[in-house]
N, C-alpha and C. Protein backbone atom coordinates (compact mmCIF):
# COMPACT_ATOMS: atom_id res chain seq x y z
N MET A 1 7.85 -14.25 -4.70
CA MET A 1 6.72 -14.34 -3.82
C MET A 1 7.00 -13.55 -2.41
N LEU A 2 5.60 -13.10 -2.09
CA LEU A 2 5.95 -12.87 -0.60
C LEU A 2 6.02 -13.32 0.66
N ALA A 3 6.89 -12.78 1.42
CA ALA A 3 6.95 -13.77 2.95
C ALA A 3 5.46 -13.50 3.38
N ALA A 4 5.15 -15.01 4.51
CA ALA A 4 4.11 -15.38 4.70
C ALA A 4 3.29 -13.52 5.63
N THR A 5 4.36 -13.31 6.45
CA THR A 5 4.15 -11.61 7.21
C THR A 5 3.54 -10.47 6.15
N GLN A 6 4.24 -10.78 5.26
CA GLN A 6 3.83 -9.35 4.54
C GLN A 6 2.68 -9.94 3.43
N ARG A 7 1.74 -10.53 3.33
CA ARG A 7 0.30 -10.84 3.16
C ARG A 7 -0.59 -10.59 4.08
N LEU A 8 -1.28 -9.87 3.33
CA LEU A 8 -2.94 -9.92 3.84
C LEU A 8 -4.08 -10.86 3.50
N ARG A 9 -4.27 -11.38 4.65
CA ARG A 9 -4.93 -12.68 4.29
C ARG A 9 -6.68 -12.47 4.06
N HIS A 10 -7.27 -12.12 5.41
CA HIS A 10 -8.19 -11.79 5.45
C HIS A 10 -9.32 -10.47 5.21
N SER A 11 -10.56 -10.95 5.22
CA SER A 11 -11.22 -9.79 4.31
C SER A 11 -11.52 -7.95 5.35
N ARG A 12 -11.49 -8.50 6.46
CA ARG A 12 -11.22 -7.53 7.34
C ARG A 12 -9.59 -6.62 7.32
N GLU A 13 -8.51 -7.53 7.03
CA GLU A 13 -7.66 -6.79 6.90
C GLU A 13 -7.64 -5.74 5.27
N PHE A 14 -8.16 -6.46 4.24
CA PHE A 14 -8.06 -5.67 3.32
C PHE A 14 -9.39 -4.31 3.34
N ALA A 15 -11.11 -4.38 3.99
CA ALA A 15 -11.77 -3.62 3.92
C ALA A 15 -10.53 -2.50 4.80
N ALA A 16 -10.01 -2.39 6.20
CA ALA A 16 -9.31 -1.56 6.58
C ALA A 16 -8.75 -0.58 6.19
N ALA A 17 -7.65 -1.40 5.32
CA ALA A 17 -6.98 -0.40 5.05
C ALA A 17 -7.17 0.19 3.18
N ILE A 18 -8.44 -0.36 2.54
CA ILE A 18 -9.42 0.43 1.70
C ILE A 18 -9.90 1.18 2.24
N ARG A 19 -10.30 1.08 3.43
CA ARG A 19 -11.71 2.23 4.13
C ARG A 19 -10.41 3.36 4.73
N GLY A 20 -9.15 3.10 5.51
CA GLY A 20 -8.58 3.99 6.02
C GLY A 20 -7.63 4.21 5.19
N GLY A 21 -7.35 4.28 3.92
CA GLY A 21 -6.06 4.64 2.84
C GLY A 21 -6.02 5.02 2.47
N ARG A 22 -5.53 5.97 1.83
CA ARG A 22 -5.88 6.58 0.59
C ARG A 22 -5.62 6.17 -0.77
N ARG A 23 -6.80 6.38 -1.85
CA ARG A 23 -6.77 5.74 -3.26
C ARG A 23 -6.28 6.35 -4.56
N ALA A 24 -5.37 5.77 -4.44
CA ALA A 24 -5.02 6.49 -6.41
C ALA A 24 -5.18 5.73 -7.19
N GLY A 25 -5.70 5.52 -8.35
CA GLY A 25 -5.63 5.21 -9.98
C GLY A 25 -5.09 5.39 -10.81
N ARG A 26 -3.94 4.40 -11.68
CA ARG A 26 -3.62 5.30 -12.72
C ARG A 26 -3.35 4.02 -13.50
N GLY A 27 -3.65 3.82 -14.57
CA GLY A 27 -3.94 3.30 -15.83
C GLY A 27 -4.76 1.90 -15.52
N ALA A 28 -3.97 0.66 -15.42
CA ALA A 28 -4.91 -0.02 -14.84
C ALA A 28 -4.92 -0.81 -13.50
N VAL A 29 -4.13 -0.03 -13.01
CA VAL A 29 -4.42 -0.20 -11.12
C VAL A 29 -5.08 0.82 -10.62
N VAL A 30 -5.18 0.46 -9.31
CA VAL A 30 -5.36 0.96 -8.18
C VAL A 30 -5.07 1.02 -6.74
N VAL A 31 -4.27 1.43 -6.27
CA VAL A 31 -3.77 1.04 -5.44
C VAL A 31 -4.79 1.99 -4.09
N HIS A 32 -4.70 1.27 -2.91
CA HIS A 32 -5.12 1.89 -1.83
C HIS A 32 -3.99 1.90 -0.76
N LEU A 33 -3.79 2.55 0.04
CA LEU A 33 -2.54 2.74 0.97
C LEU A 33 -2.53 3.74 1.82
N ASP A 34 -2.85 2.77 2.86
CA ASP A 34 -2.89 2.96 4.02
C ASP A 34 -1.30 3.31 4.95
N LEU A 35 -0.66 3.99 5.52
CA LEU A 35 0.63 4.91 5.84
C LEU A 35 -0.06 4.61 7.78
N PRO A 36 1.19 4.17 8.06
CA PRO A 36 0.77 4.28 10.06
C PRO A 36 0.70 5.61 10.13
N ILE A 37 -0.06 6.09 11.52
CA ILE A 37 0.17 7.89 12.03
C ILE A 37 1.53 7.59 12.56
N PRO A 38 2.57 8.54 12.36
CA PRO A 38 3.95 9.05 13.10
C PRO A 38 3.37 9.78 14.46
N THR A 39 4.08 8.94 15.22
CA THR A 39 4.13 9.38 17.00
C THR A 39 4.56 10.34 17.26
N ALA A 40 4.36 11.12 18.29
CA ALA A 40 4.99 12.29 18.23
C ALA A 40 6.01 12.13 19.53
N PRO A 41 7.11 12.34 19.65
CA PRO A 41 7.91 12.17 20.94
C PRO A 41 6.99 12.64 21.99
N SER A 42 7.36 12.15 23.29
CA SER A 42 6.44 12.38 24.39
C SER A 42 7.10 13.65 24.87
N ARG A 43 6.04 14.84 25.68
CA ARG A 43 7.41 15.68 25.91
C ARG A 43 7.82 15.62 27.68
N GLY A 44 9.12 16.04 28.11
CA GLY A 44 9.05 15.54 29.71
C GLY A 44 8.35 16.60 30.64
N LEU A 45 8.59 16.86 31.75
CA LEU A 45 8.19 17.73 32.61
C LEU A 45 8.24 18.70 32.36
N ASP A 46 9.73 19.81 31.84
CA ASP A 46 10.00 20.66 31.55
C ASP A 46 10.06 21.27 29.96
N GLY A 47 8.90 20.25 29.25
CA GLY A 47 8.29 20.95 28.29
C GLY A 47 9.06 20.29 26.65
N ASN A 48 10.79 19.80 27.13
CA ASN A 48 11.32 19.81 25.93
C ASN A 48 10.69 18.33 25.68
N SER A 49 11.12 17.95 24.06
CA SER A 49 10.64 16.33 23.60
C SER A 49 12.04 15.42 24.82
N SER A 50 11.52 14.31 24.97
CA SER A 50 12.91 13.25 25.03
C SER A 50 13.10 12.73 24.49
N ALA A 51 14.37 12.42 24.30
CA ALA A 51 14.83 11.98 22.94
C ALA A 51 14.79 10.06 22.79
N GLU A 52 14.68 9.47 24.49
CA GLU A 52 14.83 7.84 24.88
C GLU A 52 13.24 7.77 24.02
N PRO A 53 11.76 7.89 24.02
CA PRO A 53 11.04 7.59 23.53
C PRO A 53 10.23 7.76 22.11
N ALA A 54 11.37 8.30 21.72
CA ALA A 54 10.78 9.12 20.16
C ALA A 54 12.29 7.35 19.37
N ARG A 55 12.94 7.00 20.43
CA ARG A 55 14.10 5.74 19.53
C ARG A 55 12.88 4.73 20.03
N SER A 56 12.24 4.64 21.10
CA SER A 56 11.57 3.27 20.99
C SER A 56 10.29 3.21 20.31
N THR A 57 9.69 4.12 19.98
CA THR A 57 8.44 4.06 18.92
C THR A 57 9.27 3.81 17.65
N GLY A 58 10.47 4.29 17.24
CA GLY A 58 10.79 3.86 15.91
C GLY A 58 11.25 2.60 15.27
N ALA A 59 11.87 2.03 16.83
CA ALA A 59 11.80 0.72 17.02
C ALA A 59 10.34 -0.29 16.81
N GLU A 60 9.76 -0.06 17.33
CA GLU A 60 8.55 -0.79 17.67
C GLU A 60 7.47 -0.47 16.53
N GLN A 61 7.87 0.63 15.75
CA GLN A 61 7.37 0.52 14.16
C GLN A 61 8.29 -0.01 13.17
N ALA A 62 9.34 0.20 13.16
CA ALA A 62 10.66 -1.05 12.57
C ALA A 62 9.79 -2.56 12.53
N SER A 63 9.64 -2.66 13.51
CA SER A 63 9.52 -3.95 14.07
C SER A 63 7.68 -4.78 13.22
N VAL A 64 7.12 -4.11 12.56
CA VAL A 64 5.66 -4.02 12.29
C VAL A 64 5.95 -3.78 10.71
N PRO A 65 5.78 -5.04 9.94
CA PRO A 65 5.86 -5.50 8.86
C PRO A 65 5.26 -4.36 7.49
N THR A 66 5.44 -4.47 6.57
CA THR A 66 4.66 -3.52 5.42
C THR A 66 3.82 -4.70 4.89
N ARG A 67 3.24 -4.67 4.82
CA ARG A 67 1.83 -5.61 4.19
C ARG A 67 1.30 -5.40 2.98
N ALA A 68 1.17 -6.63 1.98
CA ALA A 68 0.21 -5.90 0.48
C ALA A 68 -0.60 -7.63 0.60
N GLY A 69 -1.64 -6.72 -0.65
CA GLY A 69 -2.83 -7.67 -0.47
C GLY A 69 -2.94 -7.54 -2.10
N PHE A 70 -3.62 -8.47 -2.67
CA PHE A 70 -4.61 -7.90 -4.13
C PHE A 70 -5.76 -8.11 -4.79
N VAL A 71 -6.62 -7.36 -5.33
CA VAL A 71 -7.67 -7.79 -5.69
C VAL A 71 -7.63 -7.98 -6.74
N VAL A 72 -7.63 -9.23 -8.05
CA VAL A 72 -8.09 -9.04 -9.12
C VAL A 72 -9.54 -9.24 -9.98
N SER A 73 -10.31 -8.97 -10.24
CA SER A 73 -11.93 -9.43 -10.11
C SER A 73 -12.15 -10.59 -11.32
N LYS A 74 -13.18 -10.92 -11.66
CA LYS A 74 -13.67 -11.79 -13.01
C LYS A 74 -13.64 -10.61 -14.36
N ALA A 75 -13.75 -9.36 -13.77
CA ALA A 75 -14.09 -8.49 -15.29
C ALA A 75 -12.70 -8.50 -15.68
N VAL A 76 -11.81 -9.00 -14.64
CA VAL A 76 -9.88 -9.13 -15.52
C VAL A 76 -9.55 -10.06 -16.88
N GLY A 77 -10.23 -11.06 -16.12
CA GLY A 77 -10.63 -12.02 -17.31
C GLY A 77 -11.04 -13.62 -16.10
N GLY A 78 -10.76 -15.02 -17.04
CA GLY A 78 -10.61 -16.18 -16.21
C GLY A 78 -9.80 -16.43 -15.48
N ALA A 79 -10.04 -17.19 -14.49
CA ALA A 79 -8.73 -17.73 -13.18
C ALA A 79 -7.19 -17.93 -14.20
N VAL A 80 -6.96 -18.41 -15.01
CA VAL A 80 -5.49 -18.57 -15.62
C VAL A 80 -5.86 -17.23 -15.76
N VAL A 81 -6.21 -16.22 -16.27
CA VAL A 81 -5.71 -14.59 -16.58
C VAL A 81 -5.43 -13.69 -15.38
N ARG A 82 -6.72 -14.31 -14.66
CA ARG A 82 -6.35 -13.60 -12.93
C ARG A 82 -5.43 -13.66 -12.03
N ASN A 83 -5.02 -14.56 -12.35
CA ASN A 83 -3.83 -15.61 -11.59
C ASN A 83 -2.46 -15.07 -12.59
N ALA A 84 -2.75 -14.89 -13.37
CA ALA A 84 -1.05 -14.34 -14.85
C ALA A 84 -1.08 -12.95 -13.97
N VAL A 85 -2.13 -12.31 -13.76
CA VAL A 85 -1.89 -11.08 -13.52
C VAL A 85 -1.39 -10.81 -12.07
N ARG A 86 -2.36 -11.53 -11.34
CA ARG A 86 -1.88 -11.38 -9.64
C ARG A 86 -0.19 -11.83 -9.49
N ARG A 87 0.06 -12.40 -10.43
CA ARG A 87 1.76 -13.17 -10.52
C ARG A 87 2.77 -12.10 -10.26
N ARG A 88 2.07 -11.44 -11.72
CA ARG A 88 2.92 -10.53 -12.02
C ARG A 88 3.02 -9.03 -11.27
N LEU A 89 2.02 -8.49 -10.44
CA LEU A 89 1.54 -7.46 -9.79
C LEU A 89 2.26 -7.82 -8.14
N ARG A 90 2.16 -9.23 -7.79
CA ARG A 90 2.91 -10.03 -6.63
C ARG A 90 4.30 -9.41 -6.70
N HIS A 91 5.34 -9.87 -8.06
CA HIS A 91 6.03 -9.78 -8.37
C HIS A 91 6.86 -8.21 -8.69
N LEU A 92 5.81 -7.12 -8.69
CA LEU A 92 6.15 -5.77 -9.12
C LEU A 92 6.38 -5.42 -7.46
N VAL A 93 5.33 -5.37 -7.05
CA VAL A 93 4.95 -5.35 -5.25
C VAL A 93 6.38 -5.28 -4.59
N ARG A 94 6.83 -7.11 -4.55
CA ARG A 94 8.00 -7.32 -4.38
C ARG A 94 9.30 -5.96 -3.64
N ASP A 95 9.44 -5.98 -5.12
CA ASP A 95 10.36 -4.96 -5.48
C ASP A 95 10.02 -3.23 -4.67
N ARG A 96 8.98 -3.01 -4.41
CA ARG A 96 8.34 -1.32 -4.23
C ARG A 96 8.00 -2.01 -2.53
N LEU A 97 8.42 -2.65 -1.82
CA LEU A 97 7.76 -3.12 -0.44
C LEU A 97 8.38 -2.35 0.63
N SER A 98 10.22 -2.63 0.27
CA SER A 98 10.89 -1.33 1.14
C SER A 98 10.93 -0.11 0.88
N ASP A 99 9.94 0.41 -0.43
CA ASP A 99 10.23 1.76 -0.42
C ASP A 99 9.20 2.55 0.54
N LEU A 100 8.01 1.89 0.88
CA LEU A 100 7.40 2.42 1.86
C LEU A 100 7.61 2.25 3.32
N PRO A 101 6.96 3.12 4.09
CA PRO A 101 6.99 2.76 5.49
C PRO A 101 6.56 1.86 6.65
N ALA A 102 7.65 1.53 7.06
CA ALA A 102 7.47 0.12 8.29
C ALA A 102 5.51 0.37 8.39
N GLY A 103 5.60 -0.33 8.31
CA GLY A 103 3.74 -0.71 9.23
C GLY A 103 2.66 -0.35 8.20
N SER A 104 2.69 -0.29 6.67
CA SER A 104 2.05 0.51 6.00
C SER A 104 1.40 -0.67 5.19
N THR A 105 0.04 -0.78 5.13
CA THR A 105 -0.44 -1.54 4.24
C THR A 105 -1.07 -0.92 2.92
N LEU A 106 -1.06 -2.34 1.85
CA LEU A 106 -0.96 -1.43 0.68
C LEU A 106 -1.97 -2.93 -0.12
N VAL A 107 -2.87 -2.53 -0.84
CA VAL A 107 -4.20 -3.14 -1.84
C VAL A 107 -4.06 -2.76 -2.90
N VAL A 108 -3.29 -3.42 -3.74
CA VAL A 108 -3.31 -3.22 -5.25
C VAL A 108 -4.65 -4.00 -6.15
N ARG A 109 -5.42 -3.29 -6.63
CA ARG A 109 -7.06 -3.42 -8.03
C ARG A 109 -6.33 -3.17 -8.85
N ALA A 110 -6.58 -4.35 -9.87
CA ALA A 110 -6.44 -4.68 -11.40
C ALA A 110 -7.35 -4.13 -11.73
N LEU A 111 -7.59 -3.56 -12.53
CA LEU A 111 -8.70 -3.47 -13.82
C LEU A 111 -8.34 -3.91 -14.59
N PRO A 112 -9.76 -3.87 -15.29
CA PRO A 112 -10.00 -4.99 -16.91
C PRO A 112 -8.89 -4.15 -17.77
N GLY A 113 -8.61 -5.03 -18.78
CA GLY A 113 -7.28 -4.33 -19.08
C GLY A 113 -5.84 -4.54 -18.95
N ALA A 114 -5.81 -4.76 -17.53
CA ALA A 114 -4.30 -4.97 -16.86
C ALA A 114 -3.58 -6.42 -17.57
N ASP A 115 -4.44 -7.17 -17.73
CA ASP A 115 -4.18 -8.85 -18.48
C ASP A 115 -2.85 -7.87 -20.13
N GLN A 116 -3.49 -7.18 -20.63
CA GLN A 116 -3.00 -6.73 -22.06
C GLN A 116 -2.06 -5.89 -22.07
N LEU A 117 -1.32 -5.44 -21.01
CA LEU A 117 -0.52 -4.57 -20.66
C LEU A 117 1.18 -5.10 -20.07
N SER A 118 1.92 -5.21 -21.07
CA SER A 118 3.60 -5.10 -20.92
C SER A 118 3.75 -5.07 -19.46
N TYR A 119 4.61 -6.15 -19.17
CA TYR A 119 5.18 -5.44 -17.24
C TYR A 119 5.64 -4.72 -17.05
N VAL A 120 6.72 -3.88 -18.48
CA VAL A 120 7.22 -2.10 -17.57
C VAL A 120 6.36 -1.17 -17.71
N ARG A 121 4.86 -2.06 -18.22
CA ARG A 121 3.73 -0.52 -18.29
C ARG A 121 2.72 -0.46 -17.23
N LEU A 122 2.81 -2.07 -16.93
CA LEU A 122 1.94 -2.29 -15.14
C LEU A 122 3.02 -1.77 -14.71
N GLY A 123 4.50 -2.01 -14.23
CA GLY A 123 4.98 -1.21 -13.33
C GLY A 123 5.11 -0.72 -13.26
N ALA A 124 5.30 0.89 -14.60
CA ALA A 124 5.04 2.15 -14.74
C ALA A 124 3.16 2.81 -14.20
N ASP A 125 2.40 1.75 -14.09
CA ASP A 125 0.87 2.56 -13.54
C ASP A 125 1.11 2.27 -12.38
N LEU A 126 1.96 1.40 -11.63
CA LEU A 126 1.57 1.10 -10.32
C LEU A 126 2.42 2.04 -9.32
N ASP A 127 3.42 2.53 -10.51
CA ASP A 127 4.73 3.28 -9.93
C ASP A 127 4.29 4.13 -9.78
N ALA A 128 3.41 5.42 -10.52
CA ALA A 128 2.56 6.43 -10.59
C ALA A 128 0.93 6.25 -9.57
N ALA A 129 0.98 5.33 -9.31
CA ALA A 129 -0.43 4.84 -8.66
C ALA A 129 0.27 5.10 -6.97
N LEU A 130 0.82 4.67 -7.14
CA LEU A 130 1.95 4.68 -5.34
C LEU A 130 2.48 5.95 -5.24
N ALA A 131 2.75 6.50 -6.03
CA ALA A 131 3.60 7.75 -5.85
C ALA A 131 2.21 8.70 -5.57
N ALA A 132 1.45 8.72 -6.43
CA ALA A 132 0.16 9.48 -6.10
C ALA A 132 -0.62 9.58 -4.79
N ALA A 133 -0.65 7.89 -4.30
CA ALA A 133 -1.08 7.56 -2.99
C ALA A 133 0.08 8.80 -1.60
N ARG A 134 0.94 8.38 -1.66
CA ARG A 134 2.00 8.72 -1.26
C ARG A 134 1.75 10.50 -0.76
N THR A 135 1.62 11.17 -2.06
CA THR A 135 1.61 12.79 -1.63
C THR A 135 0.38 12.81 -0.41
N ALA A 136 0.33 14.26 -0.05
CA ALA A 136 -0.66 14.64 0.76
C ALA A 136 -2.02 14.40 0.23
N ARG A 137 -2.72 14.49 0.83
CA ARG A 137 -4.08 14.57 0.29
C ARG A 137 -4.51 16.81 0.57
N ARG A 138 -5.46 16.83 -0.17
CA ARG A 138 -5.81 18.50 -0.29
C ARG A 138 -6.54 18.27 0.98
N ALA A 139 -6.50 19.53 1.33
CA ALA A 139 -7.62 20.17 2.23
C ALA A 139 -8.89 19.76 2.39
N GLY A 140 -9.88 20.08 0.77
CA GLY A 140 -10.74 19.99 0.46
C GLY A 140 -11.10 19.50 -0.64
N ARG A 141 -12.11 18.65 -0.73
CA ARG A 141 -12.77 17.78 -1.47
C ARG A 141 -13.27 18.27 -2.44
N ARG A 142 -13.05 17.55 -3.93
CA ARG A 142 -14.14 18.33 -4.72
C ARG A 142 -15.53 18.20 -4.90
N SER A 143 -17.07 18.78 -5.32
CA SER A 143 -17.56 18.60 -5.24
C SER A 143 -18.54 17.37 -6.30
N ARG A 144 -19.04 16.71 -6.15
CA ARG A 144 -19.38 15.71 -7.23
C ARG A 144 -20.75 16.17 -7.83
């Protein structure tokens, strides 16, 4: 189970993560990962970076928890199937939240067929999607 501070609860939180985050789909899951914006250390009067503000910014970011939410639509199955998929995903994500930067927001969307996958395969799909979402975006977009 995720702690209450680690769960997304409101639709505006889900929407912000989906709109502002990086999307990557692998297998039966799609992840939307909204990483915190790193803050640059402030410059002193002499033009050199000040070490003190950099430490305080890191402490501020460390206090913000990494949060996760799950979207499992009716296309996956009935209520019992959806809840089973959500529980499996929640358990998989709980072990991976510590690997994400503090202040990150993660939304995991299960695709139809997620209920048919083994626990190991679902975990592999989640790992691959998270790895793809964490890589830097390319400068140009593909034309459609």
